[in-house]
Amino acid sequence: MDFAQLLQNIGNWVTTEGLKLVVVLIAIFLACKIINLFTRTIDKRLEKKNFDETLRHVLVPVVRRVLKVLVWVVAIGYLGFQTSAISAAILSIGTAIGLALQGSLSNFAGGIIVVALRPYKIGDYIAVDNVEGTVTEITLFYTYLTTPDNKVIILPNSKTSNNAIINYSKNKTRRGDIEFSISYSQDIDKAQEVIQQVMDKQDKILQDPAPTTMVSKHADSAIIINARYWTKTGDYWPTRFAMMEEVKKAFDKNGIEIPFNQLDVHLDK
């Protein structure tokens, strides 16, 4: 084949298959842009309709990826490749990758369980597998938690599907239990009355069920009085901190002694 024939063959390819390839690449680019715009629009509409945030953050990215894969499959078929052979190759590669990444597949299965059963959602404060934090993002493979001191914990979904989960935000209300110690020489009734007065003044403590106090334990060096009350879940920690501070001030004001550990040493002469 001489040089002129080579140039002619290249020219023929550019005007036929080359042109088709350029058209396909442009079509893929535009299709991906349209898919991104479409999924963003769907995401905003679901957000305005107060659609479940957890499902929205998981399903919208999945739909976006599936649509893009379909675009590529159609484009490859348009170029003349046998999509059945490509599908078989993808299946074979997927099987090999699946065997190599069994842990990731268990995370994927765990993500499906989380999305389907929804033991927690974005914004919930949970504890699982000795870690805890606020759920900030849920994907099909991982759950992202933010701790109170602003650390990020990336939790595999296999952990959340195979371990006990404590969801502190699931219910709207939460019970607070605080133990206060008084000396054996103090008036129990007066101490309970002081604690009850403090609880009655806390606007974040619910009155139904009514807050109560009871003697819960006779400890080695103190009487333990338990204060039990209910608050909205979001008010749990502010109310607990306020109770700890205000009860101490009220005890001091009313002369109620809070005992502390003492050690008596006797010397034999």
Protein backbone atom coordinates (compact mmCIF):
# COMPACT_ATOMS: atom_id res chain seq x y z
CA MET A 1 0.00 0.00 0.00
CA ASP A 2 1.50 3.30 -1.07
CA PHE A 3 1.32 6.54 0.91
CA ALA A 4 -1.49 7.98 -1.23
CA GLN A 5 -3.61 4.89 -0.63
CA LEU A 6 -2.95 5.18 3.13
CA LEU A 7 -4.09 8.80 3.15
CA GLN A 8 -7.19 7.85 1.19
CA ASN A 9 -8.04 5.09 3.68
CA ILE A 10 -7.54 7.47 6.61
CA GLY A 11 -9.74 10.05 4.91
CA ASN A 12 -12.45 7.46 4.29
CA TRP A 13 -12.34 6.39 7.96
CA VAL A 14 -12.49 9.99 9.19
CA THR A 15 -15.53 10.78 7.01
CA THR A 16 -17.37 7.60 8.06
CA GLU A 17 -16.38 5.88 11.31
CA GLY A 18 -14.42 8.86 12.62
CA LEU A 19 -17.38 11.17 12.12
CA LYS A 20 -19.61 8.64 13.84
CA LEU A 21 -17.20 8.47 16.79
CA VAL A 22 -17.16 12.26 17.14
CA VAL A 23 -20.97 12.33 17.05
CA VAL A 24 -21.13 9.62 19.72
CA LEU A 25 -18.67 11.43 22.02
CA ILE A 26 -20.62 14.68 21.67
CA ALA A 27 -23.87 12.80 22.32
CA ILE A 28 -22.40 11.17 25.44
CA PHE A 29 -21.20 14.54 26.72
CA LEU A 30 -24.59 16.17 26.17
CA ALA A 31 -26.47 13.18 27.60
CA CYS A 32 -24.39 13.24 30.79
CA LYS A 33 -25.03 16.98 31.16
CA ILE A 34 -28.77 16.41 30.71
CA ILE A 35 -28.73 13.55 33.22
CA ASN A 36 -26.93 15.72 35.80
CA LEU A 37 -29.45 18.52 35.26
CA PHE A 38 -32.36 16.08 35.43
CA THR A 39 -31.23 14.42 38.66
CA ARG A 40 -30.45 17.78 40.29
CA THR A 41 -33.94 18.99 39.40
CA ILE A 42 -35.50 15.81 40.77
CA ASP A 43 -33.42 16.16 43.94
CA LYS A 44 -34.58 19.76 44.50
CA ARG A 45 -38.23 18.87 43.88
CA LEU A 46 -38.05 15.97 46.32
CA GLU A 47 -36.44 18.27 48.87
CA LYS A 48 -39.24 20.84 48.48
CA LYS A 49 -41.83 18.09 48.95
CA ASN A 50 -40.08 17.02 52.19
CA PHE A 51 -39.23 13.62 50.72
CA ASP A 52 -37.28 11.41 53.10
CA GLU A 53 -33.76 12.88 53.16
CA THR A 54 -32.03 9.53 53.62
CA LEU A 55 -33.73 7.95 50.61
CA ARG A 56 -33.13 11.08 48.54
CA HIS A 57 -29.38 11.10 49.24
CA VAL A 58 -29.09 7.42 48.32
CA LEU A 59 -31.49 6.99 45.40
CA VAL A 60 -30.71 10.12 43.36
CA PRO A 61 -26.98 9.27 42.92
CA VAL A 62 -27.89 5.68 42.04
CA VAL A 63 -30.35 6.84 39.36
CA ARG A 64 -27.71 9.22 37.97
CA ARG A 65 -25.11 6.43 37.64
CA VAL A 66 -27.55 3.93 36.12
CA LEU A 67 -28.66 6.41 33.47
CA LYS A 68 -25.06 7.20 32.55
CA VAL A 69 -24.24 3.49 32.21
CA LEU A 70 -27.23 3.07 29.89
CA VAL A 71 -25.99 6.00 27.77
CA TRP A 72 -22.60 4.34 27.35
CA VAL A 73 -24.17 0.98 26.46
CA VAL A 74 -26.36 2.59 23.80
CA ALA A 75 -23.38 4.54 22.42
CA ILE A 76 -21.24 1.42 22.17
CA GLY A 77 -24.07 -0.37 20.36
CA TYR A 78 -24.39 2.54 17.93
CA LEU A 79 -20.70 2.24 17.08
CA GLY A 80 -21.33 -1.32 15.93
CA PHE A 81 -20.04 -3.34 18.87
CA GLN A 82 -22.08 -6.29 20.09
CA THR A 83 -23.61 -5.17 23.37
CA SER A 84 -24.33 -8.79 24.33
CA ALA A 85 -20.61 -9.55 24.28
CA ILE A 86 -19.90 -6.38 26.24
CA SER A 87 -22.54 -7.34 28.80
CA ALA A 88 -20.97 -10.78 29.17
CA ALA A 89 -17.54 -9.21 29.63
CA ILE A 90 -18.89 -6.78 32.22
CA LEU A 91 -20.58 -9.67 34.02
CA SER A 92 -17.34 -11.67 34.07
CA ILE A 93 -15.35 -8.70 35.31
CA GLY A 94 -18.01 -7.97 37.90
CA THR A 95 -17.89 -11.56 39.16
CA ALA A 96 -14.10 -11.43 39.50
CA ILE A 97 -14.25 -8.08 41.29
CA GLY A 98 -17.04 -9.37 43.51
CA LEU A 99 -14.95 -12.32 44.64
CA ALA A 100 -12.05 -10.01 45.39
CA LEU A 101 -14.18 -7.48 47.22
CA GLN A 102 -16.49 -9.61 49.34
CA GLY A 103 -16.24 -7.13 52.20
CA SER A 104 -17.40 -4.29 49.98
CA LEU A 105 -20.31 -6.40 48.77
CA SER A 106 -21.36 -6.98 52.38
CA ASN A 107 -21.21 -3.21 52.84
CA PHE A 108 -23.41 -2.81 49.75
CA ALA A 109 -25.89 -5.35 51.12
CA GLY A 110 -25.85 -3.50 54.43
CA GLY A 111 -26.56 -0.24 52.59
CA ILE A 112 -29.59 -1.82 50.91
CA ILE A 113 -30.85 -2.92 54.35
CA VAL A 114 -30.32 0.56 55.79
CA VAL A 115 -32.23 2.18 52.90
CA ALA A 116 -35.04 -0.39 53.03
CA LEU A 117 -35.54 -0.67 56.80
CA ARG A 118 -34.24 2.78 57.81
CA PRO A 119 -33.07 2.05 61.37
CA TYR A 120 -31.66 5.58 61.29
CA LYS A 121 -31.74 8.61 59.00
CA ILE A 122 -29.65 11.68 58.29
CA GLY A 123 -29.61 13.91 61.37
CA ASP A 124 -30.06 11.08 63.89
CA TYR A 125 -27.56 10.63 66.72
CA ILE A 126 -26.63 6.95 66.89
CA ALA A 127 -24.18 4.62 68.58
CA VAL A 128 -22.99 1.42 66.89
CA ASP A 129 -19.93 -0.81 67.23
CA ASN A 130 -18.42 1.34 70.04
CA VAL A 131 -18.63 4.61 68.05
CA GLU A 132 -21.30 7.29 68.08
CA GLY A 133 -22.15 10.53 66.34
CA THR A 134 -24.68 12.38 64.20
CA VAL A 135 -25.47 10.82 60.83
CA THR A 136 -24.45 13.31 58.14
CA GLU A 137 -24.45 11.13 55.01
CA ILE A 138 -25.60 7.65 53.97
CA THR A 139 -24.32 5.91 50.84
CA LEU A 140 -24.79 2.34 49.66
CA PHE A 141 -21.40 1.39 51.14
CA TYR A 142 -20.73 3.70 54.09
CA THR A 143 -22.48 5.77 56.75
CA TYR A 144 -20.77 9.01 57.76
CA LEU A 145 -20.99 10.16 61.38
CA THR A 146 -19.84 13.46 62.88
CA THR A 147 -18.86 13.32 66.55
CA PRO A 148 -19.67 16.13 69.03
CA ASP A 149 -16.03 17.31 68.76
CA ASN A 150 -16.36 17.45 64.95
CA LYS A 151 -14.50 14.28 63.99
CA VAL A 152 -15.81 12.29 61.02
CA ILE A 153 -16.34 8.54 61.43
CA ILE A 154 -16.75 6.52 58.23
CA LEU A 155 -18.71 3.44 59.23
CA PRO A 156 -19.06 0.45 56.85
CA ASN A 157 -22.71 -0.43 56.36
CA SER A 158 -21.95 -4.07 57.16
CA LYS A 159 -21.36 -2.88 60.75
CA THR A 160 -24.72 -1.13 60.94
CA SER A 161 -26.58 -4.16 59.57
CA ASN A 162 -24.88 -6.75 61.78
CA ASN A 163 -24.55 -4.90 65.09
CA ALA A 164 -26.95 -3.44 67.63
CA ILE A 165 -27.75 0.21 66.90
CA ILE A 166 -28.69 2.71 69.59
CA ASN A 167 -30.70 5.50 67.98
CA TYR A 168 -30.97 8.39 70.44
CA SER A 169 -33.05 10.48 68.01
CA LYS A 170 -35.67 7.95 66.93
CA ASN A 171 -38.26 9.04 69.51
CA LYS A 172 -39.38 12.62 70.06
CA THR A 173 -38.87 12.51 73.83
CA ARG A 174 -36.16 11.10 76.05
CA ARG A 175 -35.98 10.40 79.78
CA GLY A 176 -33.26 11.92 81.91
CA ASP A 177 -31.99 10.19 85.05
CA ILE A 178 -29.56 11.98 87.36
CA GLU A 179 -28.28 10.71 90.70
CA PHE A 180 -27.55 13.19 93.49
CA SER A 181 -25.75 12.27 96.70
CA ILE A 182 -26.52 13.65 100.18
CA SER A 183 -25.04 12.81 103.55
CA TYR A 184 -26.80 10.35 105.84
CA SER A 185 -27.26 13.19 108.34
CA GLN A 186 -29.30 15.30 105.88
CA ASP A 187 -33.10 15.52 105.63
CA ILE A 188 -34.14 13.28 102.74
CA ASP A 189 -37.55 14.92 102.30
CA LYS A 190 -36.01 18.39 102.12
CA ALA A 191 -33.40 17.27 99.57
CA GLN A 192 -36.11 15.72 97.38
CA GLU A 193 -38.21 18.88 97.68
CA VAL A 194 -35.26 21.05 96.59
CA ILE A 195 -34.56 18.83 93.57
CA GLN A 196 -38.26 18.84 92.66
CA GLN A 197 -38.35 22.64 92.81
CA VAL A 198 -35.37 22.85 90.47
CA MET A 199 -37.07 20.51 87.98
CA ASP A 200 -40.29 22.52 88.13
CA LYS A 201 -38.37 25.67 87.16
CA GLN A 202 -36.75 24.07 84.09
CA ASP A 203 -38.87 25.08 81.09
CA LYS A 204 -37.39 22.29 78.95
CA ILE A 205 -38.61 19.57 81.34
CA LEU A 206 -42.00 18.19 80.30
CA GLN A 207 -44.79 18.00 82.85
CA ASP A 208 -46.40 14.96 81.27
CA PRO A 209 -45.10 12.53 82.44
CA ALA A 210 -44.45 14.53 85.60
CA PRO A 211 -40.86 14.71 86.92
CA THR A 212 -40.25 12.70 90.08
CA THR A 213 -37.58 12.01 92.69
CA MET A 214 -36.94 8.85 94.69
CA VAL A 215 -34.29 7.38 96.97
CA SER A 216 -32.55 4.86 94.75
CA LYS A 217 -29.62 3.61 96.84
CA HIS A 218 -28.02 3.51 100.27
CA ALA A 219 -24.39 3.88 99.29
CA ASP A 220 -21.34 3.46 101.55
CA SER A 221 -21.12 7.14 102.46
CA ALA A 222 -24.23 8.74 100.97
CA ILE A 223 -27.93 8.52 100.25
CA ILE A 224 -28.51 8.51 96.49
CA ILE A 225 -31.56 10.41 95.25
CA ASN A 226 -32.59 9.84 91.65
CA ALA A 227 -34.19 12.68 89.68
CA ARG A 228 -36.23 11.38 86.76
CA TYR A 229 -37.76 13.62 84.11
CA TRP A 230 -38.67 13.77 80.42
CA THR A 231 -37.55 16.26 77.78
CA LYS A 232 -37.67 16.60 74.03
CA THR A 233 -34.83 14.63 72.50
CA GLY A 234 -33.03 17.76 71.29
CA ASP A 235 -33.17 19.27 74.79
CA TYR A 236 -31.67 16.27 76.58
CA TRP A 237 -28.09 17.48 77.07
CA PRO A 238 -28.81 21.18 77.75
CA THR A 239 -31.37 20.13 80.38
CA ARG A 240 -28.99 17.66 82.01
CA PHE A 241 -26.21 20.27 82.26
CA ALA A 242 -28.64 22.84 83.69
CA MET A 243 -29.93 20.35 86.27
CA MET A 244 -26.42 19.48 87.45
CA GLU A 245 -25.59 23.15 87.96
CA GLU A 246 -28.87 24.34 89.47
CA VAL A 247 -29.24 21.47 91.94
CA LYS A 248 -25.73 22.11 93.29
CA LYS A 249 -26.57 25.79 93.79
CA ALA A 250 -29.89 24.91 95.44
CA PHE A 251 -28.18 22.42 97.79
CA ASP A 252 -25.66 25.08 98.83
CA LYS A 253 -28.43 27.64 99.38
CA ASN A 254 -30.43 25.25 101.57
CA GLY A 255 -27.44 23.89 103.49
CA ILE A 256 -27.69 20.37 102.09
CA GLU A 257 -24.34 18.64 102.25
CA ILE A 258 -23.00 16.68 99.30
CA PRO A 259 -20.58 14.09 100.73
CA PHE A 260 -17.17 13.34 99.29
CA ASN A 261 -14.90 10.39 99.82
CA GLN A 262 -13.03 10.50 103.08
CA LEU A 263 -10.32 8.34 104.57
CA ASP A 264 -9.95 8.11 108.35
CA VAL A 265 -6.49 7.04 109.47
CA HIS A 266 -6.03 5.79 113.07
CA LEU A 267 -2.49 5.58 114.48
CA ASP A 268 -1.78 3.20 117.31
CA LYS A 269 0.58 4.58 119.94
